């Protein structure tokens, strides 16, 4: 039997789903072996480091230097979100609000997985740490918080990245 060819877009989707499935299983294994407190602490640290790595890798392939990426921060973060989440998450919006960037997620595999496994109340969402890693990778001073959370029972997640005074959130030049 010859294995059927898979289109590049289907292959990308499979890779994302496999990665996020691995991520959830890894977290659950650590929680079962070390406890949820330790698993949550590790997940927060790992997500910040991965967020920084994602941006650095994107910079390496985009041809943009750090200043170019900072100048187009909204576009850069949108590109990164598409690359990493694709069809796995349902990103409802990513908008600028003053000196903040607000990411709205209406469906999340971590939330669905923790609920299905019965440990949603023990899980601490690490998305805000991923966002802090993005800012760190861009060299943009700021912080991130979770304003709304599917894990806590809200209708969506809202991750708010607040840029320090004097830093503007901008998109790149229009095409």
Protein backbone atom coordinates (compact mmCIF):
# COMPACT_ATOMS: atom_id res chain seq x y z
CA UNK A 1 0.00 0.00 0.00
CA UNK A 2 1.23 3.45 -0.86
CA UNK A 3 0.59 6.02 1.84
CA UNK A 4 -1.48 8.90 0.41
CA UNK A 5 0.18 12.26 0.05
CA UNK A 6 -0.81 14.84 2.63
CA UNK A 7 -1.15 18.46 1.60
CA UNK A 8 1.19 20.96 3.30
CA UNK A 9 -1.73 22.65 5.07
CA UNK A 10 -3.04 19.32 6.40
CA UNK A 11 0.49 18.38 7.49
CA UNK A 12 0.81 21.72 9.35
CA UNK A 13 -2.52 21.11 11.07
CA UNK A 14 -1.47 17.59 12.09
CA UNK A 15 1.82 18.88 13.49
CA UNK A 16 0.03 21.54 15.55
CA UNK A 17 -2.54 19.07 16.89
CA UNK A 18 0.19 16.54 17.70
CA UNK A 19 2.27 19.21 19.44
CA UNK A 20 -0.60 20.50 21.58
CA UNK A 21 -1.65 16.91 22.34
CA UNK A 22 1.89 16.15 23.46
CA UNK A 23 1.91 19.32 25.57
CA UNK A 24 -1.24 18.29 27.43
CA UNK A 25 -0.09 14.74 28.02
CA UNK A 26 3.31 15.97 29.24
CA UNK A 27 1.64 18.36 31.69
CA UNK A 28 -0.66 15.63 33.03
CA UNK A 29 2.24 13.19 33.48
CA UNK A 30 4.25 15.81 35.42
CA UNK A 31 1.17 16.61 37.54
CA UNK A 32 0.61 12.93 38.34
CA UNK A 33 4.28 12.37 39.21
CA UNK A 34 5.09 15.66 40.98
CA UNK A 35 1.75 17.19 41.91
CA UNK A 36 -0.24 19.99 40.34
CA UNK A 37 1.55 22.75 42.22
CA UNK A 38 4.91 21.70 40.75
CA UNK A 39 3.40 21.05 37.30
CA UNK A 40 1.81 24.51 37.24
CA UNK A 41 5.05 26.20 38.32
CA UNK A 42 7.01 24.33 35.65
CA UNK A 43 4.38 25.08 33.00
CA UNK A 44 4.50 28.82 33.75
CA UNK A 45 8.30 28.90 33.41
CA UNK A 46 8.38 26.72 30.31
CA UNK A 47 5.69 28.77 28.56
CA UNK A 48 7.60 32.02 29.07
CA UNK A 49 10.79 30.43 27.68
CA UNK A 50 8.91 28.94 24.71
CA UNK A 51 7.24 32.28 23.94
CA UNK A 52 10.63 33.98 23.79
CA UNK A 53 12.00 31.17 21.58
CA UNK A 54 9.03 31.41 19.20
CA UNK A 55 9.66 35.10 18.61
CA UNK A 56 13.40 34.61 18.20
CA UNK A 57 12.79 31.84 15.65
CA UNK A 58 10.27 33.99 13.80
CA UNK A 59 12.82 36.83 13.71
CA UNK A 60 15.43 34.48 12.28
CA UNK A 61 13.23 33.44 9.33
CA UNK A 62 11.43 36.75 8.74
CA UNK A 63 14.49 38.81 7.94
CA UNK A 64 13.29 41.47 10.37
CA UNK A 65 15.66 42.70 13.02
CA UNK A 66 14.45 43.33 16.56
CA UNK A 67 13.60 46.97 15.77
CA UNK A 68 11.62 45.96 12.68
CA UNK A 69 9.72 43.40 14.70
CA UNK A 70 9.00 45.92 17.46
CA UNK A 71 7.75 48.44 14.90
CA UNK A 72 5.24 45.89 13.63
CA UNK A 73 4.43 44.23 16.95
CA UNK A 74 0.76 43.51 16.17
CA UNK A 75 1.59 41.87 12.85
CA UNK A 76 4.49 39.91 14.35
CA UNK A 77 2.33 38.56 17.17
CA UNK A 78 -0.49 37.74 14.73
CA UNK A 79 1.97 35.83 12.52
CA UNK A 80 3.25 33.96 15.54
CA UNK A 81 -0.27 33.11 16.73
CA UNK A 82 -1.18 31.74 13.32
CA UNK A 83 2.02 29.71 13.16
CA UNK A 84 1.60 28.20 16.63
CA UNK A 85 -2.15 27.86 17.02
CA UNK A 86 -3.55 27.58 13.50
CA UNK A 87 -6.77 25.60 13.70
CA UNK A 88 -6.09 24.20 17.20
CA UNK A 89 -7.26 27.28 19.11
CA UNK A 90 -10.12 29.56 18.16
CA UNK A 91 -8.60 33.05 18.24
CA UNK A 92 -11.56 35.42 18.37
CA UNK A 93 -9.51 38.63 18.20
CA UNK A 94 -6.22 40.34 18.78
CA UNK A 95 -6.54 44.07 19.07
CA UNK A 96 -4.83 47.15 20.40
CA UNK A 97 -6.45 49.06 23.28
CA UNK A 98 -4.31 52.05 24.24
CA UNK A 99 -0.94 50.75 25.42
CA UNK A 100 -2.33 47.22 25.69
CA UNK A 101 -2.75 44.32 23.31
CA UNK A 102 -5.77 42.11 24.01
CA UNK A 103 -5.84 38.53 22.77
CA UNK A 104 -9.27 36.88 22.91
CA UNK A 105 -9.54 33.10 22.67
CA UNK A 106 -12.93 31.42 22.41
CA UNK A 107 -11.76 27.78 22.33
CA UNK A 108 -8.62 26.30 23.87
CA UNK A 109 -7.37 22.69 23.86
CA UNK A 110 -5.80 23.07 27.32
CA UNK A 111 -9.12 24.10 28.83
CA UNK A 112 -11.01 21.36 26.99
CA UNK A 113 -8.39 18.75 27.94
CA UNK A 114 -8.28 19.69 31.62
CA UNK A 115 -12.06 19.62 31.79
CA UNK A 116 -12.23 16.22 30.05
CA UNK A 117 -9.55 14.79 32.37
CA UNK A 118 -11.33 16.18 35.43
CA UNK A 119 -8.62 18.49 36.74
CA UNK A 120 -9.69 21.88 35.38
CA UNK A 121 -9.90 23.33 38.90
CA UNK A 122 -6.27 22.34 39.57
CA UNK A 123 -4.83 23.69 36.31
CA UNK A 124 -3.27 27.17 36.15
CA UNK A 125 -3.38 28.62 32.63
CA UNK A 126 0.05 29.71 31.42
CA UNK A 127 -0.98 31.72 28.35
CA UNK A 128 -0.04 34.99 30.00
CA UNK A 129 3.50 33.72 30.56
CA UNK A 130 3.71 32.74 26.88
CA UNK A 131 2.71 36.34 26.04
CA UNK A 132 5.35 37.71 28.42
CA UNK A 133 7.90 35.54 26.60
CA UNK A 134 6.81 37.10 23.29
CA UNK A 135 7.37 40.58 24.70
CA UNK A 136 10.72 39.52 26.12
CA UNK A 137 11.76 38.05 22.77
CA UNK A 138 10.85 41.34 21.10
CA UNK A 139 12.73 43.33 23.73
CA UNK A 140 9.51 45.15 24.62
CA UNK A 141 9.12 46.03 28.29
CA UNK A 142 5.72 45.04 29.58
CA UNK A 143 3.66 42.40 31.34
CA UNK A 144 0.72 40.12 30.66
CA UNK A 145 -2.30 39.10 32.71
CA UNK A 146 -5.37 36.93 32.25
CA UNK A 147 -8.49 39.10 32.44
CA UNK A 148 -10.95 36.35 31.50
CA UNK A 149 -10.38 32.60 31.46
CA UNK A 150 -12.21 29.64 29.95
CA UNK A 151 -10.57 27.55 32.69
CA UNK A 152 -12.29 29.71 35.33
CA UNK A 153 -15.62 29.40 33.51
CA UNK A 154 -15.67 32.64 31.50
CA UNK A 155 -17.10 32.58 27.96
CA UNK A 156 -13.64 33.33 26.53
CA UNK A 157 -10.06 34.00 27.54
CA UNK A 158 -8.63 37.49 27.40
CA UNK A 159 -4.88 37.79 27.70
CA UNK A 160 -3.89 41.44 28.18
CA UNK A 161 -0.33 42.48 27.32
CA UNK A 162 0.37 45.89 28.84
CA UNK A 163 3.29 47.71 27.29
CA UNK A 164 5.29 50.04 29.50
CA UNK A 165 4.78 53.77 29.11
CA UNK A 166 6.36 55.08 25.93
CA UNK A 167 6.06 51.81 23.99
CA UNK A 168 3.52 51.89 21.18
CA UNK A 169 1.62 48.93 19.82
CA UNK A 170 1.66 49.25 16.06
CA UNK A 171 1.09 47.20 12.98
CA UNK A 172 3.49 47.12 10.08
CA UNK A 173 3.04 49.20 6.95
CA UNK A 174 -0.09 48.54 4.93
CA UNK A 175 0.35 46.65 1.71
